[in-house]
PDB file of N, CA and C in Angstrom:
ATOM      1  N   UNK A   1      89.411  71.949 100.602  1.00  0.00           N
ATOM      2  CA  UNK A   1      89.760  70.496  99.991  1.00  0.00           C
ATOM      3  C   UNK A   1      91.113  70.114 100.080  1.00  0.00           C
ATOM      4  N   UNK A   2      91.204  68.841 100.558  1.00  0.00           N
ATOM      5  CA  UNK A   2      92.576  68.150 100.829  1.00  0.00           C
ATOM      6  C   UNK A   2      92.718  66.988  99.778  1.00  0.00           C
ATOM      7  N   UNK A   3      93.934  67.254  99.138  1.00  0.00           N
ATOM      8  CA  UNK A   3      94.178  66.006  98.174  1.00  0.00           C
ATOM      9  C   UNK A   3      95.540  65.458  98.737  1.00  0.00           C
ATOM     10  N   UNK A   4      95.470  64.053  98.977  1.00  0.00           N
ATOM     11  CA  UNK A   4      96.544  63.482  99.760  1.00  0.00           C
ATOM     12  C   UNK A   4      97.007  62.180  99.088  1.00  0.00           C
ATOM     13  N   UNK A   5      98.296  61.811  98.897  1.00  0.00           N
ATOM     14  CA  UNK A   5      98.711  60.485  98.677  1.00  0.00           C
ATOM     15  C   UNK A   5      99.748  60.040  99.863  1.00  0.00           C
ATOM     16  N   UNK A   6      99.425  58.930 100.478  1.00  0.00           N
ATOM     17  CA  UNK A   6     100.302  58.579 101.594  1.00  0.00           C
ATOM     18  C   UNK A   6     100.602  57.103 101.364  1.00  0.00           C
ATOM     19  N   UNK A   7     101.951  56.801 101.779  1.00  0.00           N
ATOM     20  CA  UNK A   7     102.406  55.394 101.652  1.00  0.00           C
ATOM     21  C   UNK A   7     102.522  54.757 103.142  1.00  0.00           C
ATOM     22  N   UNK A   8     102.014  53.533 103.254  1.00  0.00           N
ATOM     23  CA  UNK A   8     101.872  52.947 104.628  1.00  0.00           C
ATOM     24  C   UNK A   8     102.783  51.704 104.261  1.00  0.00           C
ATOM     25  N   UNK A   9     103.498  51.088 105.119  1.00  0.00           N
ATOM     26  CA  UNK A   9     104.119  49.878 104.951  1.00  0.00           C
ATOM     27  C   UNK A   9     103.197  48.580 105.635  1.00  0.00           C
ATOM     28  N   UNK A  10     103.142  47.435 105.016  1.00  0.00           N
ATOM     29  CA  UNK A  10     102.367  46.423 105.411  1.00  0.00           C
ATOM     30  C   UNK A  10     103.415  45.585 106.319  1.00  0.00           C
ATOM     31  N   UNK A  11     102.878  45.191 107.525  1.00  0.00           N
ATOM     32  CA  UNK A  11     103.586  44.298 108.416  1.00  0.00           C
ATOM     33  C   UNK A  11     104.009  43.025 107.671  1.00  0.00           C
ATOM     34  N   UNK A  12     105.379  42.480 107.664  1.00  0.00           N
ATOM     35  CA  UNK A  12     105.865  41.261 107.144  1.00  0.00           C
ATOM     36  C   UNK A  12     104.891  40.260 107.682  1.00  0.00           C
ATOM     37  N   UNK A  13     104.507  39.337 106.801  1.00  0.00           N
ATOM     38  CA  UNK A  13     103.762  38.125 107.072  1.00  0.00           C
ATOM     39  C   UNK A  13     102.109  38.520 107.063  1.00  0.00           C
ATOM     40  N   UNK A  14     101.775  39.676 106.744  1.00  0.00           N
ATOM     41  CA  UNK A  14     100.370  40.056 106.835  1.00  0.00           C
ATOM     42  C   UNK A  14      99.796  40.342 105.377  1.00  0.00           C
ATOM     43  N   UNK A  15     100.589  39.915 104.467  1.00  0.00           N
ATOM     44  CA  UNK A  15     100.063  40.094 102.896  1.00  0.00           C
ATOM     45  C   UNK A  15      98.808  39.462 102.700  1.00  0.00           C
ATOM     46  N   UNK A  16      98.626  38.225 103.145  1.00  0.00           N
ATOM     47  CA  UNK A  16      97.470  37.521 102.921  1.00  0.00           C
ATOM     48  C   UNK A  16      96.161  38.203 103.696  1.00  0.00           C
ATOM     49  N   UNK A  17      96.458  38.611 104.819  1.00  0.00           N
ATOM     50  CA  UNK A  17      95.494  39.373 105.488  1.00  0.00           C
ATOM     51  C   UNK A  17      95.011  40.661 104.714  1.00  0.00           C
ATOM     52  N   UNK A  18      96.022  41.352 104.189  1.00  0.00           N
ATOM     53  CA  UNK A  18      95.741  42.482 103.447  1.00  0.00           C
ATOM     54  C   UNK A  18      94.846  42.143 102.200  1.00  0.00           C
ATOM     55  N   UNK A  19      95.178  40.872 101.554  1.00  0.00           N
ATOM     56  CA  UNK A  19      94.228  40.423 100.377  1.00  0.00           C
ATOM     57  C   UNK A  19      92.948  40.494 101.106  1.00  0.00           C
ATOM     58  N   UNK A  20      92.673  39.824 102.148  1.00  0.00           N
ATOM     59  CA  UNK A  20      91.326  39.684 102.840  1.00  0.00           C
ATOM     60  C   UNK A  20      90.692  41.072 102.987  1.00  0.00           C
ATOM     61  N   UNK A  21      91.465  41.943 103.466  1.00  0.00           N
ATOM     62  CA  UNK A  21      91.158  43.490 103.865  1.00  0.00           C
ATOM     63  C   UNK A  21      90.587  44.014 102.517  1.00  0.00           C
ATOM     64  N   UNK A  22      91.365  44.083 101.476  1.00  0.00           N
ATOM     65  CA  UNK A  22      91.070  44.666 100.338  1.00  0.00           C
ATOM     66  C   UNK A  22      89.767  43.942  99.647  1.00  0.00           C
ATOM     67  N   UNK A  23      89.628  42.676  99.773  1.00  0.00           N
ATOM     68  CA  UNK A  23      88.507  41.982  99.055  1.00  0.00           C
ATOM     69  C   UNK A  23      87.180  42.348 100.138  1.00  0.00           C
ATOM     70  N   UNK A  24      87.461  42.481 101.355  1.00  0.00           N
ATOM     71  CA  UNK A  24      86.323  42.871 102.417  1.00  0.00           C
ATOM     72  C   UNK A  24      85.864  44.204 101.895  1.00  0.00           C
ATOM     73  N   UNK A  25      86.772  45.284 101.665  1.00  0.00           N
ATOM     74  CA  UNK A  25      86.229  46.537 101.117  1.00  0.00           C
ATOM     75  C   UNK A  25      85.627  46.498  99.745  1.00  0.00           C
ATOM     76  N   UNK A  26      86.098  45.775  98.874  1.00  0.00           N
ATOM     77  CA  UNK A  26      85.426  45.582  97.503  1.00  0.00           C
ATOM     78  C   UNK A  26      84.182  44.902  97.640  1.00  0.00           C
ATOM     79  N   UNK A  27      84.027  43.929  98.459  1.00  0.00           N
ATOM     80  CA  UNK A  27      82.691  43.183  98.581  1.00  0.00           C
ATOM     81  C   UNK A  27      81.667  43.915  99.347  1.00  0.00           C
ATOM     82  N   UNK A  28      82.028  44.916 100.115  1.00  0.00           N
ATOM     83  CA  UNK A  28      81.061  45.699 100.975  1.00  0.00           C
ATOM     84  C   UNK A  28      81.160  47.170 100.520  1.00  0.00           C
ATOM     85  N   UNK A  29      81.298  47.443  99.228  1.00  0.00           N
ATOM     86  CA  UNK A  29      81.410  48.675  98.569  1.00  0.00           C
ATOM     87  C   UNK A  29      80.262  49.594  98.925  1.00  0.00           C
ATOM     88  N   UNK A  30      79.015  48.923  98.731  1.00  0.00           N
ATOM     89  CA  UNK A  30      77.888  49.905  99.058  1.00  0.00           C
ATOM     90  C   UNK A  30      77.831  50.427 100.579  1.00  0.00           C
ATOM     91  N   UNK A  31      78.161  49.632 101.455  1.00  0.00           N
ATOM     92  CA  UNK A  31      78.386  50.134 102.807  1.00  0.00           C
ATOM     93  C   UNK A  31      79.509  51.144 103.064  1.00  0.00           C
ATOM     94  N   UNK A  32      80.647  50.775 102.384  1.00  0.00           N
ATOM     95  CA  UNK A  32      81.804  51.580 102.348  1.00  0.00           C
ATOM     96  C   UNK A  32      81.520  53.051 101.909  1.00  0.00           C
ATOM     97  N   UNK A  33      80.745  53.067 100.822  1.00  0.00           N
ATOM     98  CA  UNK A  33      80.388  54.331 100.039  1.00  0.00           C
ATOM     99  C   UNK A  33      79.473  55.186 100.974  1.00  0.00           C
ATOM    100  N   UNK A  34      78.580  54.511 101.758  1.00  0.00           N
ATOM    101  CA  UNK A  34      77.849  55.355 102.824  1.00  0.00           C
ATOM    102  C   UNK A  34      78.662  56.035 103.878  1.00  0.00           C
ATOM    103  N   UNK A  35      79.670  55.499 104.248  1.00  0.00           N
ATOM    104  CA  UNK A  35      80.377  56.287 105.204  1.00  0.00           C
ATOM    105  C   UNK A  35      81.259  57.243 104.852  1.00  0.00           C
ATOM    106  N   UNK A  36      81.533  57.371 103.373  1.00  0.00           N
ATOM    107  CA  UNK A  36      82.213  58.411 102.917  1.00  0.00           C
ATOM    108  C   UNK A  36      81.677  59.878 103.043  1.00  0.00           C
ATOM    109  N   UNK A  37      80.242  60.002 103.140  1.00  0.00           N
ATOM    110  CA  UNK A  37      79.638  61.313 103.381  1.00  0.00           C
ATOM    111  C   UNK A  37      80.042  61.956 104.509  1.00  0.00           C
ATOM    112  N   UNK A  38      79.999  61.115 105.637  1.00  0.00           N
ATOM    113  CA  UNK A  38      80.343  61.714 106.880  1.00  0.00           C
ATOM    114  C   UNK A  38      81.609  62.163 107.060  1.00  0.00           C
ATOM    115  N   UNK A  39      82.749  61.568 106.267  1.00  0.00           N
ATOM    116  CA  UNK A  39      84.056  62.080 106.104  1.00  0.00           C
ATOM    117  C   UNK A  39      84.287  63.106 105.161  1.00  0.00           C
ATOM    118  N   UNK A  40      83.283  63.498 104.395  1.00  0.00           N
ATOM    119  CA  UNK A  40      83.491  64.429 103.234  1.00  0.00           C
ATOM    120  C   UNK A  40      84.550  63.872 102.406  1.00  0.00           C
ATOM    121  N   UNK A  41      84.533  62.609 102.210  1.00  0.00           N
ATOM    122  CA  UNK A  41      85.601  61.999 101.327  1.00  0.00           C
ATOM    123  C   UNK A  41      84.964  61.830  99.958  1.00  0.00           C
ATOM    124  N   UNK A  42      85.552  62.606  98.907  1.00  0.00           N
ATOM    125  CA  UNK A  42      84.786  62.579  97.636  1.00  0.00           C
ATOM    126  C   UNK A  42      85.568  61.431  96.767  1.00  0.00           C
ATOM    127  N   UNK A  43      86.847  61.205  97.013  1.00  0.00           N
ATOM    128  CA  UNK A  43      87.533  60.123  96.219  1.00  0.00           C
ATOM    129  C   UNK A  43      88.524  59.430  97.218  1.00  0.00           C
ATOM    130  N   UNK A  44      88.471  58.114  97.266  1.00  0.00           N
ATOM    131  CA  UNK A  44      89.379  57.349  98.114  1.00  0.00           C
ATOM    132  C   UNK A  44      89.869  56.180  97.311  1.00  0.00           C
ATOM    133  N   UNK A  45      91.067  56.101  97.128  1.00  0.00           N
ATOM    134  CA  UNK A  45      91.594  54.848  96.323  1.00  0.00           C
ATOM    135  C   UNK A  45      92.836  54.456  97.096  1.00  0.00           C
ATOM    136  N   UNK A  46      92.729  52.865  97.006  1.00  0.00           N
ATOM    137  CA  UNK A  46      93.942  52.287  97.671  1.00  0.00           C
ATOM    138  C   UNK A  46      94.762  51.681  96.636  1.00  0.00           C
ATOM    139  N   UNK A  47      96.143  51.896  96.576  1.00  0.00           N
ATOM    140  CA  UNK A  47      97.084  51.195  95.466  1.00  0.00           C
ATOM    141  C   UNK A  47      97.885  50.241  96.519  1.00  0.00           C
ATOM    142  N   UNK A  48      98.677  49.229  95.760  1.00  0.00           N
ATOM    143  CA  UNK A  48      99.540  48.388  96.424  1.00  0.00           C
ATOM    144  C   UNK A  48     100.774  48.123  95.560  1.00  0.00           C
ATOM    145  N   UNK A  49     101.789  48.073  96.330  1.00  0.00           N
ATOM    146  CA  UNK A  49     103.106  48.117  95.710  1.00  0.00           C
ATOM    147  C   UNK A  49     104.252  47.265  96.408  1.00  0.00           C
ATOM    148  N   UNK A  50     104.971  46.391  95.686  1.00  0.00           N
ATOM    149  CA  UNK A  50     105.992  45.630  96.286  1.00  0.00           C
ATOM    150  C   UNK A  50     107.121  46.328  96.009  1.00  0.00           C
ATOM    151  N   UNK A  51     108.097  46.685  96.920  1.00  0.00           N
ATOM    152  CA  UNK A  51     109.315  47.421  96.797  1.00  0.00           C
ATOM    153  C   UNK A  51     110.281  46.536  97.553  1.00  0.00           C
ATOM    154  N   UNK A  52     111.253  46.010  96.908  1.00  0.00           N
ATOM    155  CA  UNK A  52     112.231  45.089  97.635  1.00  0.00           C
ATOM    156  C   UNK A  52     111.425  43.847  98.393  1.00  0.00           C
ATOM    157  N   UNK A  53     111.761  43.782  99.593  1.00  0.00           N
ATOM    158  CA  UNK A  53     111.157  42.752 100.427  1.00  0.00           C
ATOM    159  C   UNK A  53     109.780  43.238 101.044  1.00  0.00           C
ATOM    160  N   UNK A  54     109.480  44.616 100.906  1.00  0.00           N
ATOM    161  CA  UNK A  54     108.342  44.812 101.796  1.00  0.00           C
ATOM    162  C   UNK A  54     107.185  45.321 100.635  1.00  0.00           C
ATOM    163  N   UNK A  55     105.846  45.176 101.274  1.00  0.00           N
ATOM    164  CA  UNK A  55     104.676  45.633 100.477  1.00  0.00           C
ATOM    165  C   UNK A  55     104.271  46.787 101.067  1.00  0.00           C
ATOM    166  N   UNK A  56     103.580  47.657 100.201  1.00  0.00           N
ATOM    167  CA  UNK A  56     103.189  48.910 100.694  1.00  0.00           C
ATOM    168  C   UNK A  56     101.706  49.203 100.185  1.00  0.00           C
ATOM    169  N   UNK A  57     100.975  49.986 100.980  1.00  0.00           N
ATOM    170  CA  UNK A  57      99.592  50.402 100.577  1.00  0.00           C
ATOM    171  C   UNK A  57      99.796  51.858 100.479  1.00  0.00           C
ATOM    172  N   UNK A  58      99.217  52.501  99.361  1.00  0.00           N
ATOM    173  CA  UNK A  58      99.034  53.881  99.217  1.00  0.00           C
ATOM    174  C   UNK A  58      97.614  54.291  99.185  1.00  0.00           C
ATOM    175  N   UNK A  59      97.345  55.472  99.915  1.00  0.00           N
ATOM    176  CA  UNK A  59      96.079  55.862 100.011  1.00  0.00           C
ATOM    177  C   UNK A  59      96.061  57.191  99.408  1.00  0.00           C
ATOM    178  N   UNK A  60      95.226  57.338  98.256  1.00  0.00           N
ATOM    179  CA  UNK A  60      95.044  58.582  97.693  1.00  0.00           C
ATOM    180  C   UNK A  60      93.673  59.031  98.023  1.00  0.00           C
ATOM    181  N   UNK A  61      93.404  60.480  98.238  1.00  0.00           N
ATOM    182  CA  UNK A  61      92.028  60.878  98.798  1.00  0.00           C
ATOM    183  C   UNK A  61      91.887  62.391  98.389  1.00  0.00           C
ATOM    184  N   UNK A  62      90.764  62.489  98.138  1.00  0.00           N
ATOM    185  CA  UNK A  62      90.266  64.036  97.801  1.00  0.00           C
ATOM    186  C   UNK A  62      89.032  64.072  98.894  1.00  0.00           C
ATOM    187  N   UNK A  63      89.391  65.013  99.735  1.00  0.00           N
ATOM    188  CA  UNK A  63      88.473  65.230 100.970  1.00  0.00           C
ATOM    189  C   UNK A  63      88.271  66.741 101.032  1.00  0.00           C
ATOM    190  N   UNK A  64      86.837  66.764 101.424  1.00  0.00           N
ATOM    191  CA  UNK A  64      86.284  68.350 101.883  1.00  0.00           C
ATOM    192  C   UNK A  64      86.845  68.526 103.510  1.00  0.00           C
ATOM    193  N   UNK A  65      86.738  69.852 103.618  1.00  0.00           N
ATOM    194  CA  UNK A  65      87.186  70.224 104.987  1.00  0.00           C
ATOM    195  C   UNK A  65      86.177  69.799 106.072  1.00  0.00           C
ATOM    196  N   UNK A  66      86.814  69.635 107.278  1.00  0.00           N
ATOM    197  CA  UNK A  66      85.786  69.219 108.517  1.00  0.00           C
ATOM    198  C   UNK A  66      85.144  68.026 108.435  1.00  0.00           C
ATOM    199  N   UNK A  67      85.606  67.022 107.826  1.00  0.00           N
ATOM    200  CA  UNK A  67      84.992  65.662 107.719  1.00  0.00           C
ATOM    201  C   UNK A  67      85.179  64.775 108.903  1.00  0.00           C
ATOM    202  N   UNK A  68      84.440  63.965 109.255  1.00  0.00           N
ATOM    203  CA  UNK A  68      84.609  63.005 110.272  1.00  0.00           C
ATOM    204  C   UNK A  68      85.826  62.078 110.142  1.00  0.00           C
ATOM    205  N   UNK A  69      86.685  61.913 111.007  1.00  0.00           N
ATOM    206  CA  UNK A  69      87.565  60.933 110.953  1.00  0.00           C
ATOM    207  C   UNK A  69      87.124  59.606 110.991  1.00  0.00           C
ATOM    208  N   UNK A  70      87.726  58.710 110.266  1.00  0.00           N
ATOM    209  CA  UNK A  70      87.299  57.239 110.275  1.00  0.00           C
ATOM    210  C   UNK A  70      87.277  56.654 111.792  1.00  0.00           C
ATOM    211  N   UNK A  71      88.114  57.127 112.598  1.00  0.00           N
ATOM    212  CA  UNK A  71      88.217  56.630 113.923  1.00  0.00           C
ATOM    213  C   UNK A  71      87.052  57.082 114.800  1.00  0.00           C
ATOM    214  N   UNK A  72      86.392  57.935 114.475  1.00  0.00           N
ATOM    215  CA  UNK A  72      85.090  58.398 115.044  1.00  0.00           C
ATOM    216  C   UNK A  72      83.850  57.749 114.586  1.00  0.00           C
ATOM    217  N   UNK A  73      83.843  57.023 113.444  1.00  0.00           N
ATOM    218  CA  UNK A  73      82.797  56.471 112.983  1.00  0.00           C
ATOM    219  C   UNK A  73      82.085  55.404 113.770  1.00  0.00           C
ATOM    220  N   UNK A  74      80.934  55.263 113.647  1.00  0.00           N
ATOM    221  CA  UNK A  74      80.400  54.150 114.414  1.00  0.00           C
ATOM    222  C   UNK A  74      79.704  53.110 113.330  1.00  0.00           C
ATOM    223  N   UNK A  75      79.990  53.398 111.942  1.00  0.00           N
ATOM    224  CA  UNK A  75      79.596  52.335 110.928  1.00  0.00           C
ATOM    225  C   UNK A  75      80.386  50.936 111.178  1.00  0.00           C
ATOM    226  N   UNK A  76      79.598  49.915 111.147  1.00  0.00           N
ATOM    227  CA  UNK A  76      80.204  48.668 111.277  1.00  0.00           C
ATOM    228  C   UNK A  76      81.395  48.386 110.347  1.00  0.00           C
ATOM    229  N   UNK A  77      81.302  48.868 109.055  1.00  0.00           N
ATOM    230  CA  UNK A  77      82.232  48.642 107.932  1.00  0.00           C
ATOM    231  C   UNK A  77      83.495  49.423 108.318  1.00  0.00           C
ATOM    232  N   UNK A  78      83.377  50.557 109.030  1.00  0.00           N
ATOM    233  CA  UNK A  78      84.590  51.285 109.340  1.00  0.00           C
ATOM    234  C   UNK A  78      85.324  50.702 110.690  1.00  0.00           C
ATOM    235  N   UNK A  79      84.440  50.149 111.516  1.00  0.00           N
ATOM    236  CA  UNK A  79      85.076  49.418 112.693  1.00  0.00           C
ATOM    237  C   UNK A  79      85.975  48.189 112.010  1.00  0.00           C
ATOM    238  N   UNK A  80      85.454  47.382 111.262  1.00  0.00           N
ATOM    239  CA  UNK A  80      86.157  46.330 110.748  1.00  0.00           C
ATOM    240  C   UNK A  80      87.273  46.840 109.857  1.00  0.00           C
ATOM    241  N   UNK A  81      87.337  47.825 109.171  1.00  0.00           N
ATOM    242  CA  UNK A  81      88.291  48.419 108.525  1.00  0.00           C
ATOM    243  C   UNK A  81      89.477  48.791 109.443  1.00  0.00           C
ATOM    244  N   UNK A  82      89.028  49.365 110.551  1.00  0.00           N
ATOM    245  CA  UNK A  82      90.111  49.728 111.518  1.00  0.00           C
ATOM    246  C   UNK A  82      90.700  48.508 112.049  1.00  0.00           C
ATOM    247  N   UNK A  83      90.057  47.547 112.350  1.00  0.00           N
ATOM    248  CA  UNK A  83      90.591  46.128 112.771  1.00  0.00           C
ATOM    249  C   UNK A  83      91.577  45.781 111.852  1.00  0.00           C
ATOM    250  N   UNK A  84      91.465  45.697 110.443  1.00  0.00           N
ATOM    251  CA  UNK A  84      92.410  45.383 109.550  1.00  0.00           C
ATOM    252  C   UNK A  84      93.574  46.078 109.701  1.00  0.00           C
ATOM    253  N   UNK A  85      93.244  47.445 109.718  1.00  0.00           N
ATOM    254  CA  UNK A  85      94.446  48.554 109.820  1.00  0.00           C
ATOM    255  C   UNK A  85      95.397  48.190 110.895  1.00  0.00           C
ATOM    256  N   UNK A  86      94.758  47.982 111.965  1.00  0.00           N
ATOM    257  CA  UNK A  86      95.725  47.738 113.134  1.00  0.00           C
ATOM    258  C   UNK A  86      96.427  46.437 113.001  1.00  0.00           C
ATOM    259  N   UNK A  87      95.883  45.380 112.583  1.00  0.00           N
ATOM    260  CA  UNK A  87      96.559  44.139 112.319  1.00  0.00           C
ATOM    261  C   UNK A  87      97.666  44.241 111.269  1.00  0.00           C
ATOM    262  N   UNK A  88      97.389  45.000 110.164  1.00  0.00           N
ATOM    263  CA  UNK A  88      98.142  44.917 108.920  1.00  0.00           C
ATOM    264  C   UNK A  88      99.239  46.119 108.732  1.00  0.00           C
ATOM    265  N   UNK A  89      98.920  47.199 109.241  1.00  0.00           N
ATOM    266  CA  UNK A  89      99.868  48.286 108.823  1.00  0.00           C
ATOM    267  C   UNK A  89     100.973  48.524 110.031  1.00  0.00           C
ATOM    268  N   UNK A  90     102.248  48.539 109.596  1.00  0.00           N
ATOM    269  CA  UNK A  90     103.344  48.565 110.307  1.00  0.00           C
ATOM    270  C   UNK A  90     103.695  49.857 110.907  1.00  0.00           C
ATOM    271  N   UNK A  91     103.244  49.970 112.227  1.00  0.00           N
ATOM    272  CA  UNK A  91     103.432  51.330 112.802  1.00  0.00           C
ATOM    273  C   UNK A  91     104.735  51.882 113.251  1.00  0.00           C
ATOM    274  N   UNK A  92     105.993  50.825 112.965  1.00  0.00           N
ATOM    275  CA  UNK A  92     107.271  51.168 113.075  1.00  0.00           C
ATOM    276  C   UNK A  92     107.793  51.951 111.946  1.00  0.00           C
ATOM    277  N   UNK A  93     106.971  51.998 110.875  1.00  0.00           N
ATOM    278  CA  UNK A  93     107.428  52.592 109.606  1.00  0.00           C
ATOM    279  C   UNK A  93     106.548  53.965 109.655  1.00  0.00           C
ATOM    280  N   UNK A  94     107.422  55.098 109.471  1.00  0.00           N
ATOM    281  CA  UNK A  94     106.771  56.324 109.387  1.00  0.00           C
ATOM    282  C   UNK A  94     105.969  56.514 108.043  1.00  0.00           C
ATOM    283  N   UNK A  95     104.782  56.765 107.947  1.00  0.00           N
ATOM    284  CA  UNK A  95     103.982  56.946 106.749  1.00  0.00           C
ATOM    285  C   UNK A  95     104.585  58.019 106.022  1.00  0.00           C
ATOM    286  N   UNK A  96     104.721  57.991 104.714  1.00  0.00           N
ATOM    287  CA  UNK A  96     105.266  59.055 103.779  1.00  0.00           C
ATOM    288  C   UNK A  96     103.979  59.672 102.897  1.00  0.00           C
ATOM    289  N   UNK A  97     104.018  60.980 103.227  1.00  0.00           N
ATOM    290  CA  UNK A  97     103.053  61.810 102.570  1.00  0.00           C
ATOM    291  C   UNK A  97     103.786  62.208 101.483  1.00  0.00           C
ATOM    292  N   UNK A  98     103.436  62.032 100.252  1.00  0.00           N
ATOM    293  CA  UNK A  98     103.898  62.505  98.884  1.00  0.00           C
ATOM    294  C   UNK A  98     103.322  63.932  98.833  1.00  0.00           C
ATOM    295  N   UNK A  99     104.181  64.744  98.185  1.00  0.00           N
ATOM    296  CA  UNK A  99     103.898  66.171  98.053  1.00  0.00           C
ATOM    297  C   UNK A  99     102.932  66.348  96.761  1.00  0.00           C
ATOM    298  N   UNK A 100     101.843  67.081  97.247  1.00  0.00           N
ATOM    299  CA  UNK A 100     101.034  67.517  95.966  1.00  0.00           C
ATOM    300  C   UNK A 100     101.493  68.630  95.207  1.00  0.00           C
ATOM    301  N   UNK A 101     101.731  68.487  93.913  1.00  0.00           N
ATOM    302  CA  UNK A 101     102.184  69.500  92.912  1.00  0.00           C
ATOM    303  C   UNK A 101     101.171  70.209  92.057  1.00  0.00           C
ATOM    304  N   UNK A 102     100.226  69.213  91.473  1.00  0.00           N
ATOM    305  CA  UNK A 102      99.355  69.840  90.633  1.00  0.00           C
ATOM    306  C   UNK A 102      98.027  69.130  90.929  1.00  0.00           C
ATOM    307  N   UNK A 103      96.973  69.790  91.129  1.00  0.00           N
ATOM    308  CA  UNK A 103      95.432  69.058  91.157  1.00  0.00           C
ATOM    309  C   UNK A 103      94.592  69.613  90.007  1.00  0.00           C
ATOM    310  N   UNK A 104      94.237  68.596  89.472  1.00  0.00           N
ATOM    311  CA  UNK A 104      93.420  68.931  88.212  1.00  0.00           C
ATOM    312  C   UNK A 104      92.115  68.351  88.272  1.00  0.00           C
ATOM    313  N   UNK A 105      91.210  69.142  88.831  1.00  0.00           N
ATOM    314  CA  UNK A 105      89.781  68.900  88.840  1.00  0.00           C
ATOM    315  C   UNK A 105      88.891  69.840  88.279  1.00  0.00           C
ATOM    316  N   UNK A 106      88.034  69.641  87.354  1.00  0.00           N
ATOM    317  CA  UNK A 106      87.251  70.453  86.613  1.00  0.00           C
ATOM    318  C   UNK A 106      86.575  71.231  87.754  1.00  0.00           C
ATOM    319  N   UNK A 107      86.210  72.485  87.464  1.00  0.00           N
ATOM    320  CA  UNK A 107      85.541  73.587  88.196  1.00  0.00           C
ATOM    321  C   UNK A 107      84.057  73.049  88.651  1.00  0.00           C
ATOM    322  N   UNK A 108      83.509  72.449  87.734  1.00  0.00           N
ATOM    323  CA  UNK A 108      82.005  71.964  87.885  1.00  0.00           C
ATOM    324  C   UNK A 108      82.070  70.898  89.213  1.00  0.00           C
ATOM    325  N   UNK A 109      83.174  70.194  89.291  1.00  0.00           N
ATOM    326  CA  UNK A 109      83.305  69.205  90.245  1.00  0.00           C
ATOM    327  C   UNK A 109      83.794  69.727  91.525  1.00  0.00           C
ATOM    328  N   UNK A 110      84.678  70.789  91.523  1.00  0.00           N
ATOM    329  CA  UNK A 110      85.568  71.291  92.533  1.00  0.00           C
ATOM    330  C   UNK A 110      84.246  72.142  93.388  1.00  0.00           C
ATOM    331  N   UNK A 111      83.380  72.638  92.586  1.00  0.00           N
ATOM    332  CA  UNK A 111      82.391  73.654  93.403  1.00  0.00           C
ATOM    333  C   UNK A 111      81.525  72.704  94.313  1.00  0.00           C
ATOM    334  N   UNK A 112      81.373  71.300  93.880  1.00  0.00           N
ATOM    335  CA  UNK A 112      80.551  70.562  94.596  1.00  0.00           C
ATOM    336  C   UNK A 112      81.324  69.853  95.890  1.00  0.00           C
ATOM    337  N   UNK A 113      82.673  70.009  95.817  1.00  0.00           N
ATOM    338  CA  UNK A 113      83.579  69.548  96.808  1.00  0.00           C
ATOM    339  C   UNK A 113      83.870  70.407  98.007  1.00  0.00           C
ATOM    340  N   UNK A 114      83.080  71.561  98.314  1.00  0.00           N
ATOM    341  CA  UNK A 114      83.168  72.295  99.423  1.00  0.00           C
ATOM    342  C   UNK A 114      82.545  71.954 100.686  1.00  0.00           C
TER     343      UNK A 114
END
């Protein structure tokens, strides 16, 4: 099981497009949730923050081993998600993986996440 939190910077001028992207994910949540099984993604949450003149998206996830990468998905909602990603995420900024220190998941749920 992998627990991750990663920070990505939004390209300057793409803040409104990110609004559209996040709205798209929320509006299509039923389809989004269908794709998580292939990825063995148990929890995926996106946070947003303004730091100085830049905005950032943070991805928090709890994922089982050997899940399919989103880039390999044939689901239309993942394809659209990746289009937004390519348009909005600043590839000149090196993503920051925050260090996991403590994972608190009840054993009942942990057993189901294998």
